[in-house]
Amino acid sequence: MLDKGKKSARPRMHILFPVQEYADADMYVAVKKAIQQKYPFFDASFYDLLFK
């Protein structure tokens, strides 16, 4: 538990969202965006990691 920038120390964890394989990149992006919209409490870096 460490301070992160201006945010206070808090528990950190990794969460995996199993999704099926998609051949269509647009569908994959849509699924990732839907996860981010459903769980907006994740920090901003969560969204960045989805599209690397």
PDB file of N, CA and C in Angstrom:
ATOM      1  N   MET A   1       0.841  -1.166   0.000  1.00  0.00           N
ATOM      2  CA  MET A   1       0.000   0.000   0.000  1.00  0.00           C
ATOM      3  C   MET A   1       0.897   1.243   0.000  1.00  0.00           C
ATOM      4  N   LEU A   2       0.948   1.898  -1.131  1.00  0.00           N
ATOM      5  CA  LEU A   2       1.772   3.084  -1.280  1.00  0.00           C
ATOM      6  C   LEU A   2       0.947   4.219  -1.867  1.00  0.00           C
ATOM      7  N   ASP A   3       1.361   5.443  -1.554  1.00  0.00           N
ATOM      8  CA  ASP A   3       0.745   6.594  -2.211  1.00  0.00           C
ATOM      9  C   ASP A   3       1.080   6.525  -3.699  1.00  0.00           C
ATOM     10  N   LYS A   4       0.148   6.928  -4.528  1.00  0.00           N
ATOM     11  CA  LYS A   4       0.380   6.928  -5.975  1.00  0.00           C
ATOM     12  C   LYS A   4       0.004   8.309  -6.485  1.00  0.00           C
ATOM     13  N   GLY A   5       1.036   9.136  -6.709  1.00  0.00           N
ATOM     14  CA  GLY A   5       0.765  10.500  -7.137  1.00  0.00           C
ATOM     15  C   GLY A   5      -0.008  11.230  -6.053  1.00  0.00           C
ATOM     16  N   LYS A   6      -1.147  11.777  -6.403  1.00  0.00           N
ATOM     17  CA  LYS A   6      -1.983  12.507  -5.447  1.00  0.00           C
ATOM     18  C   LYS A   6      -2.985  11.602  -4.741  1.00  0.00           C
ATOM     19  N   LYS A   7      -3.007  10.324  -5.104  1.00  0.00           N
ATOM     20  CA  LYS A   7      -3.950   9.387  -4.487  1.00  0.00           C
ATOM     21  C   LYS A   7      -3.342   8.773  -3.232  1.00  0.00           C
ATOM     22  N   SER A   8      -4.179   8.584  -2.228  1.00  0.00           N
ATOM     23  CA  SER A   8      -3.719   8.003  -0.973  1.00  0.00           C
ATOM     24  C   SER A   8      -3.430   6.511  -1.142  1.00  0.00           C
ATOM     25  N   ALA A   9      -2.710   5.970  -0.174  1.00  0.00           N
ATOM     26  CA  ALA A   9      -2.407   4.544  -0.189  1.00  0.00           C
ATOM     27  C   ALA A   9      -3.699   3.748  -0.111  1.00  0.00           C
ATOM     28  N   ARG A  10      -3.778   2.702  -0.890  1.00  0.00           N
ATOM     29  CA  ARG A  10      -4.965   1.840  -0.900  1.00  0.00           C
ATOM     30  C   ARG A  10      -4.574   0.465  -1.432  1.00  0.00           C
ATOM     31  N   PRO A  11      -5.357  -0.541  -1.141  1.00  0.00           N
ATOM     32  CA  PRO A  11      -5.045  -1.883  -1.661  1.00  0.00           C
ATOM     33  C   PRO A  11      -5.072  -1.878  -3.193  1.00  0.00           C
ATOM     34  N   ARG A  12      -4.156  -2.595  -3.779  1.00  0.00           N
ATOM     35  CA  ARG A  12      -4.099  -2.728  -5.232  1.00  0.00           C
ATOM     36  C   ARG A  12      -4.300  -4.210  -5.577  1.00  0.00           C
ATOM     37  N   MET A  13      -4.883  -4.467  -6.720  1.00  0.00           N
ATOM     38  CA  MET A  13      -5.058  -5.852  -7.153  1.00  0.00           C
ATOM     39  C   MET A  13      -5.162  -5.896  -8.675  1.00  0.00           C
ATOM     40  N   HIS A  14      -4.984  -7.065  -9.216  1.00  0.00           N
ATOM     41  CA  HIS A  14      -5.149  -7.283 -10.646  1.00  0.00           C
ATOM     42  C   HIS A  14      -6.437  -8.068 -10.843  1.00  0.00           C
ATOM     43  N   ILE A  15      -7.219  -7.661 -11.812  1.00  0.00           N
ATOM     44  CA  ILE A  15      -8.462  -8.351 -12.119  1.00  0.00           C
ATOM     45  C   ILE A  15      -8.434  -8.727 -13.586  1.00  0.00           C
ATOM     46  N   LEU A  16      -8.758  -9.972 -13.872  1.00  0.00           N
ATOM     47  CA  LEU A  16      -8.800 -10.450 -15.248  1.00  0.00           C
ATOM     48  C   LEU A  16     -10.245 -10.563 -15.697  1.00  0.00           C
ATOM     49  N   PHE A  17     -10.502 -10.156 -16.918  1.00  0.00           N
ATOM     50  CA  PHE A  17     -11.821 -10.281 -17.523  1.00  0.00           C
ATOM     51  C   PHE A  17     -11.712 -11.254 -18.683  1.00  0.00           C
ATOM     52  N   PRO A  18     -12.055 -12.511 -18.471  1.00  0.00           N
ATOM     53  CA  PRO A  18     -11.953 -13.460 -19.581  1.00  0.00           C
ATOM     54  C   PRO A  18     -12.998 -13.125 -20.654  1.00  0.00           C
ATOM     55  N   VAL A  19     -12.534 -13.013 -21.854  1.00  0.00           N
ATOM     56  CA  VAL A  19     -13.414 -12.772 -22.996  1.00  0.00           C
ATOM     57  C   VAL A  19     -13.053 -13.764 -24.087  1.00  0.00           C
ATOM     58  N   GLN A  20     -14.000 -14.035 -24.947  1.00  0.00           N
ATOM     59  CA  GLN A  20     -13.710 -14.945 -26.048  1.00  0.00           C
ATOM     60  C   GLN A  20     -12.774 -14.267 -27.035  1.00  0.00           C
ATOM     61  N   GLU A  21     -12.170 -15.075 -27.916  1.00  0.00           N
ATOM     62  CA  GLU A  21     -11.314 -14.503 -28.950  1.00  0.00           C
ATOM     63  C   GLU A  21     -12.184 -13.869 -30.017  1.00  0.00           C
ATOM     64  N   TYR A  22     -11.731 -12.729 -30.499  1.00  0.00           N
ATOM     65  CA  TYR A  22     -12.442 -12.032 -31.568  1.00  0.00           C
ATOM     66  C   TYR A  22     -11.508 -11.847 -32.748  1.00  0.00           C
ATOM     67  N   ALA A  23     -11.964 -12.214 -33.942  1.00  0.00           N
ATOM     68  CA  ALA A  23     -11.186 -11.987 -35.159  1.00  0.00           C
ATOM     69  C   ALA A  23     -11.354 -10.537 -35.615  1.00  0.00           C
ATOM     70  N   ASP A  24     -12.455  -9.917 -35.218  1.00  0.00           N
ATOM     71  CA  ASP A  24     -12.767  -8.554 -35.613  1.00  0.00           C
ATOM     72  C   ASP A  24     -12.260  -7.588 -34.542  1.00  0.00           C
ATOM     73  N   ALA A  25     -11.293  -6.749 -34.896  1.00  0.00           N
ATOM     74  CA  ALA A  25     -10.695  -5.812 -33.935  1.00  0.00           C
ATOM     75  C   ALA A  25     -11.725  -4.827 -33.401  1.00  0.00           C
ATOM     76  N   ASP A  26     -12.661  -4.388 -34.220  1.00  0.00           N
ATOM     77  CA  ASP A  26     -13.683  -3.433 -33.766  1.00  0.00           C
ATOM     78  C   ASP A  26     -14.563  -4.035 -32.670  1.00  0.00           C
ATOM     79  N   MET A  27     -14.885  -5.310 -32.797  1.00  0.00           N
ATOM     80  CA  MET A  27     -15.693  -5.983 -31.776  1.00  0.00           C
ATOM     81  C   MET A  27     -14.905  -6.097 -30.474  1.00  0.00           C
ATOM     82  N   TYR A  28     -13.625  -6.410 -30.592  1.00  0.00           N
ATOM     83  CA  TYR A  28     -12.764  -6.526 -29.414  1.00  0.00           C
ATOM     84  C   TYR A  28     -12.690  -5.191 -28.680  1.00  0.00           C
ATOM     85  N   VAL A  29     -12.503  -4.110 -29.403  1.00  0.00           N
ATOM     86  CA  VAL A  29     -12.457  -2.774 -28.808  1.00  0.00           C
ATOM     87  C   VAL A  29     -13.790  -2.456 -28.134  1.00  0.00           C
ATOM     88  N   ALA A  30     -14.893  -2.824 -28.761  1.00  0.00           N
ATOM     89  CA  ALA A  30     -16.220  -2.563 -28.185  1.00  0.00           C
ATOM     90  C   ALA A  30     -16.397  -3.306 -26.861  1.00  0.00           C
ATOM     91  N   VAL A  31     -15.931  -4.536 -26.801  1.00  0.00           N
ATOM     92  CA  VAL A  31     -16.029  -5.318 -25.558  1.00  0.00           C
ATOM     93  C   VAL A  31     -15.194  -4.658 -24.465  1.00  0.00           C
ATOM     94  N   LYS A  32     -13.982  -4.244 -24.794  1.00  0.00           N
ATOM     95  CA  LYS A  32     -13.114  -3.597 -23.820  1.00  0.00           C
ATOM     96  C   LYS A  32     -13.722  -2.283 -23.320  1.00  0.00           C
ATOM     97  N   LYS A  33     -14.312  -1.522 -24.213  1.00  0.00           N
ATOM     98  CA  LYS A  33     -14.963  -0.269 -23.806  1.00  0.00           C
ATOM     99  C   LYS A  33     -16.166  -0.543 -22.908  1.00  0.00           C
ATOM    100  N   ALA A  34     -16.907  -1.606 -23.210  1.00  0.00           N
ATOM    101  CA  ALA A  34     -18.064  -1.965 -22.388  1.00  0.00           C
ATOM    102  C   ALA A  34     -17.625  -2.330 -20.962  1.00  0.00           C
ATOM    103  N   ILE A  35     -16.499  -3.023 -20.838  1.00  0.00           N
ATOM    104  CA  ILE A  35     -15.974  -3.357 -19.509  1.00  0.00           C
ATOM    105  C   ILE A  35     -15.627  -2.083 -18.754  1.00  0.00           C
ATOM    106  N   GLN A  36     -14.969  -1.159 -19.433  1.00  0.00           N
ATOM    107  CA  GLN A  36     -14.573   0.096 -18.780  1.00  0.00           C
ATOM    108  C   GLN A  36     -15.788   0.912 -18.366  1.00  0.00           C
ATOM    109  N   GLN A  37     -16.827   0.904 -19.178  1.00  0.00           N
ATOM    110  CA  GLN A  37     -18.044   1.654 -18.840  1.00  0.00           C
ATOM    111  C   GLN A  37     -18.778   1.015 -17.667  1.00  0.00           C
ATOM    112  N   LYS A  38     -18.765  -0.309 -17.605  1.00  0.00           N
ATOM    113  CA  LYS A  38     -19.458  -1.003 -16.514  1.00  0.00           C
ATOM    114  C   LYS A  38     -18.724  -0.831 -15.184  1.00  0.00           C
ATOM    115  N   TYR A  39     -17.406  -0.702 -15.248  1.00  0.00           N
ATOM    116  CA  TYR A  39     -16.582  -0.588 -14.044  1.00  0.00           C
ATOM    117  C   TYR A  39     -15.751   0.698 -14.097  1.00  0.00           C
ATOM    118  N   PRO A  40     -16.380   1.865 -13.998  1.00  0.00           N
ATOM    119  CA  PRO A  40     -15.658   3.133 -14.150  1.00  0.00           C
ATOM    120  C   PRO A  40     -14.746   3.485 -12.974  1.00  0.00           C
ATOM    121  N   PHE A  41     -14.805   2.707 -11.904  1.00  0.00           N
ATOM    122  CA  PHE A  41     -13.995   3.014 -10.732  1.00  0.00           C
ATOM    123  C   PHE A  41     -12.540   2.591 -10.885  1.00  0.00           C
ATOM    124  N   PHE A  42     -12.197   1.883 -11.967  1.00  0.00           N
ATOM    125  CA  PHE A  42     -10.793   1.563 -12.210  1.00  0.00           C
ATOM    126  C   PHE A  42     -10.044   2.834 -12.559  1.00  0.00           C
ATOM    127  N   ASP A  43      -8.760   2.884 -12.215  1.00  0.00           N
ATOM    128  CA  ASP A  43      -8.004   4.097 -12.514  1.00  0.00           C
ATOM    129  C   ASP A  43      -7.818   4.261 -14.030  1.00  0.00           C
ATOM    130  N   ALA A  44      -7.392   5.428 -14.427  1.00  0.00           N
ATOM    131  CA  ALA A  44      -7.305   5.776 -15.847  1.00  0.00           C
ATOM    132  C   ALA A  44      -6.356   4.858 -16.611  1.00  0.00           C
ATOM    133  N   SER A  45      -5.337   4.336 -15.960  1.00  0.00           N
ATOM    134  CA  SER A  45      -4.397   3.470 -16.667  1.00  0.00           C
ATOM    135  C   SER A  45      -5.052   2.170 -17.118  1.00  0.00           C
ATOM    136  N   PHE A  46      -6.135   1.770 -16.459  1.00  0.00           N
ATOM    137  CA  PHE A  46      -6.848   0.566 -16.885  1.00  0.00           C
ATOM    138  C   PHE A  46      -7.279   0.687 -18.334  1.00  0.00           C
ATOM    139  N   TYR A  47      -7.855   1.801 -18.674  1.00  0.00           N
ATOM    140  CA  TYR A  47      -8.344   1.999 -20.038  1.00  0.00           C
ATOM    141  C   TYR A  47      -7.179   2.019 -21.023  1.00  0.00           C
ATOM    142  N   ASP A  48      -6.073   2.646 -20.652  1.00  0.00           N
ATOM    143  CA  ASP A  48      -4.912   2.688 -21.526  1.00  0.00           C
ATOM    144  C   ASP A  48      -4.371   1.305 -21.816  1.00  0.00           C
ATOM    145  N   LEU A  49      -4.387   0.430 -20.823  1.00  0.00           N
ATOM    146  CA  LEU A  49      -3.843  -0.922 -20.995  1.00  0.00           C
ATOM    147  C   LEU A  49      -4.674  -1.759 -21.955  1.00  0.00           C
ATOM    148  N   LEU A  50      -5.910  -1.408 -22.128  1.00  0.00           N
ATOM    149  CA  LEU A  50      -6.784  -2.201 -22.988  1.00  0.00           C
ATOM    150  C   LEU A  50      -6.379  -2.149 -24.450  1.00  0.00           C
ATOM    151  N   PHE A  51      -5.743  -1.082 -24.857  1.00  0.00           N
ATOM    152  CA  PHE A  51      -5.518  -0.866 -26.274  1.00  0.00           C
ATOM    153  C   PHE A  51      -4.044  -0.839 -26.656  1.00  0.00           C
ATOM    154  N   LYS A  52      -3.186  -1.429 -25.837  1.00  0.00           N
ATOM    155  CA  LYS A  52      -1.753  -1.492 -26.175  1.00  0.00           C
ATOM    156  C   LYS A  52      -1.464  -2.722 -26.988  1.00  0.00           C
TER     157      LYS A  52
END
